[in-house]
C-alpha atoms as a PDB file:
ATOM      1  CA  UNK A   1      27.012 -91.651  65.112  1.00  0.00           C
ATOM      2  CA  UNK A   2      29.257 -93.696  67.408  1.00  0.00           C
ATOM      3  CA  UNK A   3      29.034 -97.170  68.963  1.00  0.00           C
ATOM      4  CA  UNK A   4      28.494 -95.518  72.328  1.00  0.00           C
ATOM      5  CA  UNK A   5      25.518 -93.593  70.938  1.00  0.00           C
ATOM      6  CA  UNK A   6      24.019 -96.794  69.513  1.00  0.00           C
ATOM      7  CA  UNK A   7      24.514 -98.633  72.811  1.00  0.00           C
ATOM      8  CA  UNK A   8      22.814 -95.846  74.729  1.00  0.00           C
ATOM      9  CA  UNK A   9      19.837 -95.604  72.364  1.00  0.00           C
ATOM     10  CA  UNK A  10      19.536 -99.410  72.294  1.00  0.00           C
ATOM     11  CA  UNK A  11      19.246 -99.431  76.082  1.00  0.00           C
ATOM     12  CA  UNK A  12      16.509 -96.765  75.878  1.00  0.00           C
ATOM     13  CA  UNK A  13      14.516 -98.357  73.031  1.00  0.00           C
ATOM     14  CA  UNK A  14      11.543-100.272  74.490  1.00  0.00           C
ATOM     15  CA  UNK A  15      11.276-102.713  71.581  1.00  0.00           C
ATOM     16  CA  UNK A  16      14.982-103.564  71.655  1.00  0.00           C
ATOM     17  CA  UNK A  17      14.904-103.968  75.431  1.00  0.00           C
ATOM     18  CA  UNK A  18      12.211-106.620  74.981  1.00  0.00           C
ATOM     19  CA  UNK A  19      14.207-108.201  72.166  1.00  0.00           C
ATOM     20  CA  UNK A  20      17.344-108.299  74.309  1.00  0.00           C
ATOM     21  CA  UNK A  21      15.505-110.180  77.062  1.00  0.00           C
ATOM     22  CA  UNK A  22      14.084-112.650  74.538  1.00  0.00           C
ATOM     23  CA  UNK A  23      17.546-113.363  73.084  1.00  0.00           C
ATOM     24  CA  UNK A  24      18.992-113.949  76.563  1.00  0.00           C
ATOM     25  CA  UNK A  25      16.207-116.328  77.616  1.00  0.00           C
ATOM     26  CA  UNK A  26      15.519-117.863  74.212  1.00  0.00           C
ATOM     27  CA  UNK A  27      11.766-117.695  74.871  1.00  0.00           C
ATOM     28  CA  UNK A  28       9.535-115.802  72.449  1.00  0.00           C
ATOM     29  CA  UNK A  29       6.070-114.741  73.652  1.00  0.00           C
ATOM     30  CA  UNK A  30       3.056-116.411  72.064  1.00  0.00           C
ATOM     31  CA  UNK A  31       1.590-114.641  70.224  1.00  0.00           C
ATOM     32  CA  UNK A  32       4.545-112.513  69.115  1.00  0.00           C
ATOM     33  CA  UNK A  33       3.768-108.769  69.431  1.00  0.00           C
ATOM     34  CA  UNK A  34       3.487-106.899  66.132  1.00  0.00           C
ATOM     35  CA  UNK A  35       6.580-104.754  66.809  1.00  0.00           C
ATOM     36  CA  UNK A  36       8.682-107.898  67.373  1.00  0.00           C
ATOM     37  CA  UNK A  37       7.478-109.909  64.369  1.00  0.00           C
ATOM     38  CA  UNK A  38      10.175-108.640  61.938  1.00  0.00           C
ATOM     39  CA  UNK A  39      12.851-109.753  64.423  1.00  0.00           C
ATOM     40  CA  UNK A  40      11.120-113.091  65.027  1.00  0.00           C
ATOM     41  CA  UNK A  41      11.482-113.921  61.322  1.00  0.00           C
ATOM     42  CA  UNK A  42      15.271-113.729  61.648  1.00  0.00           C
ATOM     43  CA  UNK A  43      15.486-114.989  65.250  1.00  0.00           C
ATOM     44  CA  UNK A  44      18.241-117.523  64.543  1.00  0.00           C
ATOM     45  CA  UNK A  45      20.518-114.752  63.280  1.00  0.00           C
ATOM     46  CA  UNK A  46      20.173-112.492  66.328  1.00  0.00           C
ATOM     47  CA  UNK A  47      22.638-112.232  69.190  1.00  0.00           C
ATOM     48  CA  UNK A  48      23.989-109.722  71.699  1.00  0.00           C
ATOM     49  CA  UNK A  49      27.540-108.447  72.092  1.00  0.00           C
ATOM     50  CA  UNK A  50      28.851-105.727  74.384  1.00  0.00           C
ATOM     51  CA  UNK A  51      25.424-104.082  74.842  1.00  0.00           C
ATOM     52  CA  UNK A  52      24.773-104.199  71.097  1.00  0.00           C
ATOM     53  CA  UNK A  53      22.135-106.242  69.287  1.00  0.00           C
ATOM     54  CA  UNK A  54      23.436-107.926  66.134  1.00  0.00           C
ATOM     55  CA  UNK A  55      21.887-109.685  63.186  1.00  0.00           C
ATOM     56  CA  UNK A  56      24.830-111.689  61.920  1.00  0.00           C
ATOM     57  CA  UNK A  57      27.608-109.108  61.634  1.00  0.00           C
ATOM     58  CA  UNK A  58      25.192-106.166  61.281  1.00  0.00           C
ATOM     59  CA  UNK A  59      24.134-103.830  64.084  1.00  0.00           C
ATOM     60  CA  UNK A  60      20.417-103.772  64.879  1.00  0.00           C
ATOM     61  CA  UNK A  61      19.568-100.083  64.961  1.00  0.00           C
ATOM     62  CA  UNK A  62      17.231 -98.507  67.508  1.00  0.00           C
ATOM     63  CA  UNK A  63      14.402 -96.755  65.706  1.00  0.00           C
ATOM     64  CA  UNK A  64      15.538 -93.336  66.923  1.00  0.00           C
ATOM     65  CA  UNK A  65      18.844 -93.686  65.025  1.00  0.00           C
ATOM     66  CA  UNK A  66      17.489 -94.961  61.721  1.00  0.00           C
ATOM     67  CA  UNK A  67      17.092 -91.487  60.217  1.00  0.00           C
ATOM     68  CA  UNK A  68      20.698 -90.581  61.040  1.00  0.00           C
ATOM     69  CA  UNK A  69      21.988 -93.831  59.514  1.00  0.00           C
ATOM     70  CA  UNK A  70      19.977 -93.196  56.345  1.00  0.00           C
ATOM     71  CA  UNK A  71      21.461 -89.727  55.976  1.00  0.00           C
ATOM     72  CA  UNK A  72      24.986 -91.115  56.389  1.00  0.00           C
ATOM     73  CA  UNK A  73      24.292 -93.826  53.811  1.00  0.00           C
ATOM     74  CA  UNK A  74      23.036 -91.260  51.305  1.00  0.00           C
ATOM     75  CA  UNK A  75      25.751 -88.699  52.052  1.00  0.00           C
ATOM     76  CA  UNK A  76      27.235 -88.764  48.531  1.00  0.00           C
ATOM     77  CA  UNK A  77      23.771 -88.909  46.905  1.00  0.00           C
ATOM     78  CA  UNK A  78      24.221 -92.226  45.145  1.00  0.00           C
ATOM     79  CA  UNK A  79      21.060 -93.959  43.978  1.00  0.00           C
ATOM     80  CA  UNK A  80      18.631 -96.267  45.747  1.00  0.00           C
ATOM     81  CA  UNK A  81      20.505 -99.509  45.003  1.00  0.00           C
ATOM     82  CA  UNK A  82      23.919 -98.324  46.207  1.00  0.00           C
ATOM     83  CA  UNK A  83      22.474 -96.684  49.298  1.00  0.00           C
ATOM     84  CA  UNK A  84      20.697 -99.922  50.207  1.00  0.00           C
ATOM     85  CA  UNK A  85      23.852-101.954  49.598  1.00  0.00           C
ATOM     86  CA  UNK A  86      25.907 -99.686  51.840  1.00  0.00           C
ATOM     87  CA  UNK A  87      23.401 -99.692  54.709  1.00  0.00           C
ATOM     88  CA  UNK A  88      22.665-103.426  54.477  1.00  0.00           C
ATOM     89  CA  UNK A  89      26.358-104.184  54.896  1.00  0.00           C
ATOM     90  CA  UNK A  90      26.441-102.439  58.287  1.00  0.00           C
ATOM     91  CA  UNK A  91      22.964-102.150  59.832  1.00  0.00           C
ATOM     92  CA  UNK A  92      19.634-103.890  60.179  1.00  0.00           C
ATOM     93  CA  UNK A  93      16.243-102.446  60.993  1.00  0.00           C
ATOM     94  CA  UNK A  94      12.759-103.428  59.832  1.00  0.00           C
ATOM     95  CA  UNK A  95      11.538-101.755  56.633  1.00  0.00           C
ATOM     96  CA  UNK A  96      14.939-100.223  55.910  1.00  0.00           C
ATOM     97  CA  UNK A  97      14.476-100.633  52.140  1.00  0.00           C
ATOM     98  CA  UNK A  98      11.244 -98.624  52.235  1.00  0.00           C
ATOM     99  CA  UNK A  99      12.902 -95.961  54.386  1.00  0.00           C
ATOM    100  CA  UNK A 100      15.739 -95.624  51.852  1.00  0.00           C
ATOM    101  CA  UNK A 101      13.341 -95.303  48.931  1.00  0.00           C
ATOM    102  CA  UNK A 102      11.303 -92.679  50.777  1.00  0.00           C
ATOM    103  CA  UNK A 103      14.425 -90.697  51.723  1.00  0.00           C
ATOM    104  CA  UNK A 104      15.792 -90.551  48.175  1.00  0.00           C
ATOM    105  CA  UNK A 105      12.404 -89.822  46.649  1.00  0.00           C
ATOM    106  CA  UNK A 106      12.148 -86.769  48.908  1.00  0.00           C
ATOM    107  CA  UNK A 107      15.801 -85.680  48.654  1.00  0.00           C
ATOM    108  CA  UNK A 108      15.676 -82.156  47.194  1.00  0.00           C
ATOM    109  CA  UNK A 109      19.263 -82.294  45.893  1.00  0.00           C
ATOM    110  CA  UNK A 110      18.653 -85.586  44.053  1.00  0.00           C
ATOM    111  CA  UNK A 111      15.382 -84.347  42.576  1.00  0.00           C
ATOM    112  CA  UNK A 112      17.070 -81.122  41.447  1.00  0.00           C
ATOM    113  CA  UNK A 113      19.860 -82.926  39.588  1.00  0.00           C
ATOM    114  CA  UNK A 114      18.115 -85.991  38.193  1.00  0.00           C
ATOM    115  CA  UNK A 115      17.784 -86.280  34.383  1.00  0.00           C
ATOM    116  CA  UNK A 116      14.582 -84.865  32.924  1.00  0.00           C
ATOM    117  CA  UNK A 117      14.039 -87.949  30.787  1.00  0.00           C
ATOM    118  CA  UNK A 118      14.737 -91.648  30.936  1.00  0.00           C
ATOM    119  CA  UNK A 119      17.805 -92.498  28.849  1.00  0.00           C
ATOM    120  CA  UNK A 120      17.729 -95.500  26.577  1.00  0.00           C
ATOM    121  CA  UNK A 121      20.036 -98.323  27.740  1.00  0.00           C
ATOM    122  CA  UNK A 122      23.567 -98.154  26.347  1.00  0.00           C
ATOM    123  CA  UNK A 123      24.643-101.011  24.124  1.00  0.00           C
ATOM    124  CA  UNK A 124      27.417-103.286  25.458  1.00  0.00           C
ATOM    125  CA  UNK A 125      30.519-103.716  23.338  1.00  0.00           C
ATOM    126  CA  UNK A 126      32.581-106.809  22.649  1.00  0.00           C
ATOM    127  CA  UNK A 127      34.943-107.589  25.524  1.00  0.00           C
ATOM    128  CA  UNK A 128      38.645-106.990  24.696  1.00  0.00           C
ATOM    129  CA  UNK A 129      41.039-109.952  25.066  1.00  0.00           C
ATOM    130  CA  UNK A 130      42.810-108.567  28.172  1.00  0.00           C
ATOM    131  CA  UNK A 131      42.969-105.513  30.458  1.00  0.00           C
ATOM    132  CA  UNK A 132      44.077-102.113  29.186  1.00  0.00           C
ATOM    133  CA  UNK A 133      43.928-102.985  25.500  1.00  0.00           C
ATOM    134  CA  UNK A 134      40.866-100.837  24.841  1.00  0.00           C
ATOM    135  CA  UNK A 135      39.856 -97.736  26.777  1.00  0.00           C
ATOM    136  CA  UNK A 136      37.086 -95.162  26.588  1.00  0.00           C
ATOM    137  CA  UNK A 137      37.677 -91.477  27.276  1.00  0.00           C
ATOM    138  CA  UNK A 138      35.260 -88.704  28.104  1.00  0.00           C
ATOM    139  CA  UNK A 139      35.119 -85.198  29.582  1.00  0.00           C
ATOM    140  CA  UNK A 140      32.645 -84.430  32.362  1.00  0.00           C
ATOM    141  CA  UNK A 141      31.571 -80.898  33.179  1.00  0.00           C
ATOM    142  CA  UNK A 142      31.703 -78.066  33.626  1.00  0.00           C
ATOM    143  CA  UNK A 143      31.067 -78.570  37.345  1.00  0.00           C
ATOM    144  CA  UNK A 144      31.636 -75.262  39.141  1.00  0.00           C
ATOM    145  CA  UNK A 145      34.200 -74.243  36.469  1.00  0.00           C
ATOM    146  CA  UNK A 146      36.063 -77.540  36.773  1.00  0.00           C
ATOM    147  CA  UNK A 147      36.134 -80.560  34.461  1.00  0.00           C
ATOM    148  CA  UNK A 148      36.841 -84.258  34.971  1.00  0.00           C
ATOM    149  CA  UNK A 149      38.745 -86.314  32.412  1.00  0.00           C
ATOM    150  CA  UNK A 150      37.567 -89.916  32.734  1.00  0.00           C
ATOM    151  CA  UNK A 151      39.300 -92.973  31.303  1.00  0.00           C
ATOM    152  CA  UNK A 152      37.612 -96.392  31.569  1.00  0.00           C
ATOM    153  CA  UNK A 153      39.232 -99.740  30.805  1.00  0.00           C
ATOM    154  CA  UNK A 154      36.770-101.721  28.658  1.00  0.00           C
ATOM    155  CA  UNK A 155      37.922-105.085  30.058  1.00  0.00           C
ATOM    156  CA  UNK A 156      37.826-104.435  33.821  1.00  0.00           C
ATOM    157  CA  UNK A 157      35.681-101.257  33.945  1.00  0.00           C
ATOM    158  CA  UNK A 158      38.478 -99.752  36.075  1.00  0.00           C
ATOM    159  CA  UNK A 159      38.029 -95.949  36.120  1.00  0.00           C
ATOM    160  CA  UNK A 160      40.658 -93.234  36.160  1.00  0.00           C
ATOM    161  CA  UNK A 161      39.488 -89.665  36.803  1.00  0.00           C
ATOM    162  CA  UNK A 162      41.456 -86.420  36.868  1.00  0.00           C
ATOM    163  CA  UNK A 163      40.120 -82.978  37.767  1.00  0.00           C
ATOM    164  CA  UNK A 164      41.330 -80.326  35.312  1.00  0.00           C
ATOM    165  CA  UNK A 165      40.724 -76.591  35.142  1.00  0.00           C
ATOM    166  CA  UNK A 166      40.659 -76.379  31.346  1.00  0.00           C
ATOM    167  CA  UNK A 167      39.835 -78.830  28.568  1.00  0.00           C
ATOM    168  CA  UNK A 168      42.342 -77.853  25.924  1.00  0.00           C
ATOM    169  CA  UNK A 169      43.818 -80.663  23.879  1.00  0.00           C
ATOM    170  CA  UNK A 170      47.243 -79.920  25.386  1.00  0.00           C
ATOM    171  CA  UNK A 171      45.892 -80.428  28.919  1.00  0.00           C
ATOM    172  CA  UNK A 172      44.164 -83.661  27.906  1.00  0.00           C
ATOM    173  CA  UNK A 173      47.410 -84.955  26.374  1.00  0.00           C
ATOM    174  CA  UNK A 174      49.359 -84.051  29.532  1.00  0.00           C
ATOM    175  CA  UNK A 175      46.967 -85.969  31.778  1.00  0.00           C
ATOM    176  CA  UNK A 176      46.839 -88.952  29.411  1.00  0.00           C
ATOM    177  CA  UNK A 177      50.635 -89.055  29.445  1.00  0.00           C
ATOM    178  CA  UNK A 178      50.543 -89.326  33.250  1.00  0.00           C
ATOM    179  CA  UNK A 179      47.954 -92.118  33.111  1.00  0.00           C
ATOM    180  CA  UNK A 180      49.801 -94.055  30.397  1.00  0.00           C
ATOM    181  CA  UNK A 181      53.063 -93.764  32.351  1.00  0.00           C
ATOM    182  CA  UNK A 182      51.430 -95.847  35.092  1.00  0.00           C
ATOM    183  CA  UNK A 183      49.479 -98.391  33.026  1.00  0.00           C
ATOM    184  CA  UNK A 184      51.201 -98.448  29.638  1.00  0.00           C
ATOM    185  CA  UNK A 185      49.731 -97.738  26.209  1.00  0.00           C
ATOM    186  CA  UNK A 186      46.419 -99.331  25.220  1.00  0.00           C
ATOM    187  CA  UNK A 187      45.858-100.570  21.687  1.00  0.00           C
ATOM    188  CA  UNK A 188      42.639 -98.632  21.099  1.00  0.00           C
ATOM    189  CA  UNK A 189      40.985 -95.523  22.530  1.00  0.00           C
ATOM    190  CA  UNK A 190      37.287 -94.759  22.007  1.00  0.00           C
ATOM    191  CA  UNK A 191      36.065 -91.165  22.301  1.00  0.00           C
ATOM    192  CA  UNK A 192      33.117 -89.058  21.269  1.00  0.00           C
ATOM    193  CA  UNK A 193      33.484 -86.212  18.800  1.00  0.00           C
ATOM    194  CA  UNK A 194      34.134 -83.207  21.040  1.00  0.00           C
ATOM    195  CA  UNK A 195      36.811 -80.917  19.657  1.00  0.00           C
ATOM    196  CA  UNK A 196      39.421 -81.884  22.283  1.00  0.00           C
ATOM    197  CA  UNK A 197      39.306 -85.483  21.051  1.00  0.00           C
ATOM    198  CA  UNK A 198      39.222 -84.883  17.292  1.00  0.00           C
ATOM    199  CA  UNK A 199      41.876 -82.188  16.979  1.00  0.00           C
ATOM    200  CA  UNK A 200      45.310 -82.682  15.496  1.00  0.00           C
ATOM    201  CA  UNK A 201      47.068 -82.459  18.877  1.00  0.00           C
ATOM    202  CA  UNK A 202      45.405 -85.565  20.327  1.00  0.00           C
ATOM    203  CA  UNK A 203      45.449 -87.401  17.011  1.00  0.00           C
ATOM    204  CA  UNK A 204      49.212 -86.916  16.722  1.00  0.00           C
ATOM    205  CA  UNK A 205      49.751 -87.955  20.331  1.00  0.00           C
ATOM    206  CA  UNK A 206      47.752 -91.178  20.000  1.00  0.00           C
ATOM    207  CA  UNK A 207      49.470 -92.009  16.709  1.00  0.00           C
ATOM    208  CA  UNK A 208      52.902 -91.505  18.256  1.00  0.00           C
ATOM    209  CA  UNK A 209      51.919 -93.932  21.040  1.00  0.00           C
ATOM    210  CA  UNK A 210      50.694 -96.539  18.572  1.00  0.00           C
ATOM    211  CA  UNK A 211      47.085 -96.201  19.767  1.00  0.00           C
ATOM    212  CA  UNK A 212      44.220 -96.609  17.303  1.00  0.00           C
ATOM    213  CA  UNK A 213      41.667 -93.815  17.749  1.00  0.00           C
ATOM    214  CA  UNK A 214      38.024 -94.907  17.375  1.00  0.00           C
ATOM    215  CA  UNK A 215      35.402 -92.169  17.261  1.00  0.00           C
ATOM    216  CA  UNK A 216      31.860 -92.851  18.424  1.00  0.00           C
ATOM    217  CA  UNK A 217      29.291 -92.036  15.770  1.00  0.00           C
ATOM    218  CA  UNK A 218      27.452 -88.771  16.540  1.00  0.00           C
ATOM    219  CA  UNK A 219      24.254 -90.586  15.543  1.00  0.00           C
ATOM    220  CA  UNK A 220      25.026 -93.599  17.738  1.00  0.00           C
ATOM    221  CA  UNK A 221      26.698 -92.398  20.979  1.00  0.00           C
ATOM    222  CA  UNK A 222      25.926 -95.771  22.599  1.00  0.00           C
ATOM    223  CA  UNK A 223      29.067 -97.094  20.939  1.00  0.00           C
ATOM    224  CA  UNK A 224      31.006 -95.264  23.659  1.00  0.00           C
ATOM    225  CA  UNK A 225      28.609 -96.484  26.342  1.00  0.00           C
ATOM    226  CA  UNK A 226      31.377 -97.976  28.506  1.00  0.00           C
ATOM    227  CA  UNK A 227      32.515 -94.517  29.531  1.00  0.00           C
ATOM    228  CA  UNK A 228      29.396 -92.437  28.862  1.00  0.00           C
ATOM    229  CA  UNK A 229      27.310 -94.115  31.565  1.00  0.00           C
ATOM    230  CA  UNK A 230      29.846 -93.800  34.452  1.00  0.00           C
ATOM    231  CA  UNK A 231      30.620 -90.237  33.384  1.00  0.00           C
ATOM    232  CA  UNK A 232      26.961 -89.240  33.493  1.00  0.00           C
ATOM    233  CA  UNK A 233      26.537 -90.904  36.884  1.00  0.00           C
ATOM    234  CA  UNK A 234      29.629 -89.143  38.244  1.00  0.00           C
ATOM    235  CA  UNK A 235      28.486 -85.761  36.931  1.00  0.00           C
ATOM    236  CA  UNK A 236      25.045 -86.064  38.502  1.00  0.00           C
ATOM    237  CA  UNK A 237      26.413 -87.238  41.854  1.00  0.00           C
ATOM    238  CA  UNK A 238      29.135 -84.585  41.952  1.00  0.00           C
ATOM    239  CA  UNK A 239      26.699 -81.782  41.153  1.00  0.00           C
ATOM    240  CA  UNK A 240      24.252 -83.114  43.733  1.00  0.00           C
ATOM    241  CA  UNK A 241      26.900 -83.172  46.454  1.00  0.00           C
ATOM    242  CA  UNK A 242      28.090 -79.671  45.550  1.00  0.00           C
ATOM    243  CA  UNK A 243      24.509 -78.501  45.936  1.00  0.00           C
ATOM    244  CA  UNK A 244      25.001 -79.070  49.672  1.00  0.00           C
ATOM    245  CA  UNK A 245      28.636 -77.969  49.800  1.00  0.00           C
ATOM    246  CA  UNK A 246      27.693 -74.451  48.659  1.00  0.00           C
ATOM    247  CA  UNK A 247      26.071 -73.852  52.015  1.00  0.00           C
ATOM    248  CA  UNK A 248      29.656 -73.516  53.280  1.00  0.00           C
ATOM    249  CA  UNK A 249      31.228 -70.016  53.178  1.00  0.00           C
ATOM    250  CA  UNK A 250      32.703 -69.170  49.766  1.00  0.00           C
ATOM    251  CA  UNK A 251      36.205 -68.613  51.140  1.00  0.00           C
ATOM    252  CA  UNK A 252      36.377 -72.183  52.459  1.00  0.00           C
ATOM    253  CA  UNK A 253      34.791 -73.685  49.347  1.00  0.00           C
ATOM    254  CA  UNK A 254      37.282 -71.934  47.051  1.00  0.00           C
ATOM    255  CA  UNK A 255      40.168 -73.450  49.000  1.00  0.00           C
ATOM    256  CA  UNK A 256      38.633 -76.918  48.695  1.00  0.00           C
ATOM    257  CA  UNK A 257      38.094 -76.595  44.945  1.00  0.00           C
ATOM    258  CA  UNK A 258      41.730 -75.629  44.392  1.00  0.00           C
ATOM    259  CA  UNK A 259      42.841 -78.804  46.169  1.00  0.00           C
ATOM    260  CA  UNK A 260      40.631 -81.356  44.450  1.00  0.00           C
ATOM    261  CA  UNK A 261      42.559 -84.590  44.019  1.00  0.00           C
ATOM    262  CA  UNK A 262      42.169 -87.979  42.383  1.00  0.00           C
ATOM    263  CA  UNK A 263      41.148 -89.428  45.755  1.00  0.00           C
ATOM    264  CA  UNK A 264      38.359 -86.880  46.169  1.00  0.00           C
ATOM    265  CA  UNK A 265      37.003 -87.636  42.713  1.00  0.00           C
ATOM    266  CA  UNK A 266      37.099 -91.370  43.520  1.00  0.00           C
ATOM    267  CA  UNK A 267      34.611 -90.737  46.336  1.00  0.00           C
ATOM    268  CA  UNK A 268      32.020 -90.006  43.684  1.00  0.00           C
ATOM    269  CA  UNK A 269      32.928 -93.057  41.629  1.00  0.00           C
ATOM    270  CA  UNK A 270      32.497 -95.602  44.433  1.00  0.00           C
END
C-alpha cells in the first residue's frame, strides 16, 4: 500500500468523490445521504491535501483499501486493542473498529494459538523505589526449537529479550551477564521454579553479583506476574506469526531462524 495507490483509489471511490466536493464547497446536502453520515459527524475535522482526504492527521481510506489496511495492522497478530490503536493512529474509515474485531475473530492463526481457557488476572506487586532495582525473569518456549529469555524491570516494565538455542543454566548466566553489563546489577530478581533458575549455577552467579533471588511460589505463580504476562503474550504472538512464516520454503526459513536478533524479538513485544 502506497500513497499513490490511496490517491488513485480515492479518486475512483464514488463516496469519497462526493465528500471531496463537499469539503471544497463547504455545503452539505440536506438530507445527508446515508453513506456520508459518518463523515458528516466529523465534518469539522475533514480536509484535503495533495489528492488525499484527511481527518485530522489521519488518511481517510477508500472502502476498497480497508481490507488491505486491516491486514497490515494485524500483520504481527497482536490483539484487538493494539490493532485498533495502530490503525487509528494512521487511518480513518467508518466502522473500522467493527472491521478489526471481525478480522481477528476470523483469523485462523489467532484462533489456532489462543489459550483454551481464560486466565485469572495476575496480581500486581508493590512498585520498587526506582528503575532496575527489581527484575523478573522467565523463559519462553520452545518455539520452533528456540527459546526466549525475558527480563522485565518491575519499575518501568522495560523488557529485554534474547533468543537462545538452549536453556542450560550456563547459557542463562551468559546472557544475564551481557544484560547486566549494560544496565548494572539489580537488587532483586524474581523467577519461577524451573530448573534453570533454581540450580546452583544461577544461585552462585546471583549471589556473587549481590542480587537477592526471590522464587515465585509454585502454588501462587501470580507473584511473578510482571514477567509471566508479557512472556505469555510474546509466546502466543510469536507462534502465531510463525504459523504464517512456515509457508516459506524450509531452506529460507532455516536461514532466518539462525539469524534471529534482539531487534526481531522486539517486533513481537511492541
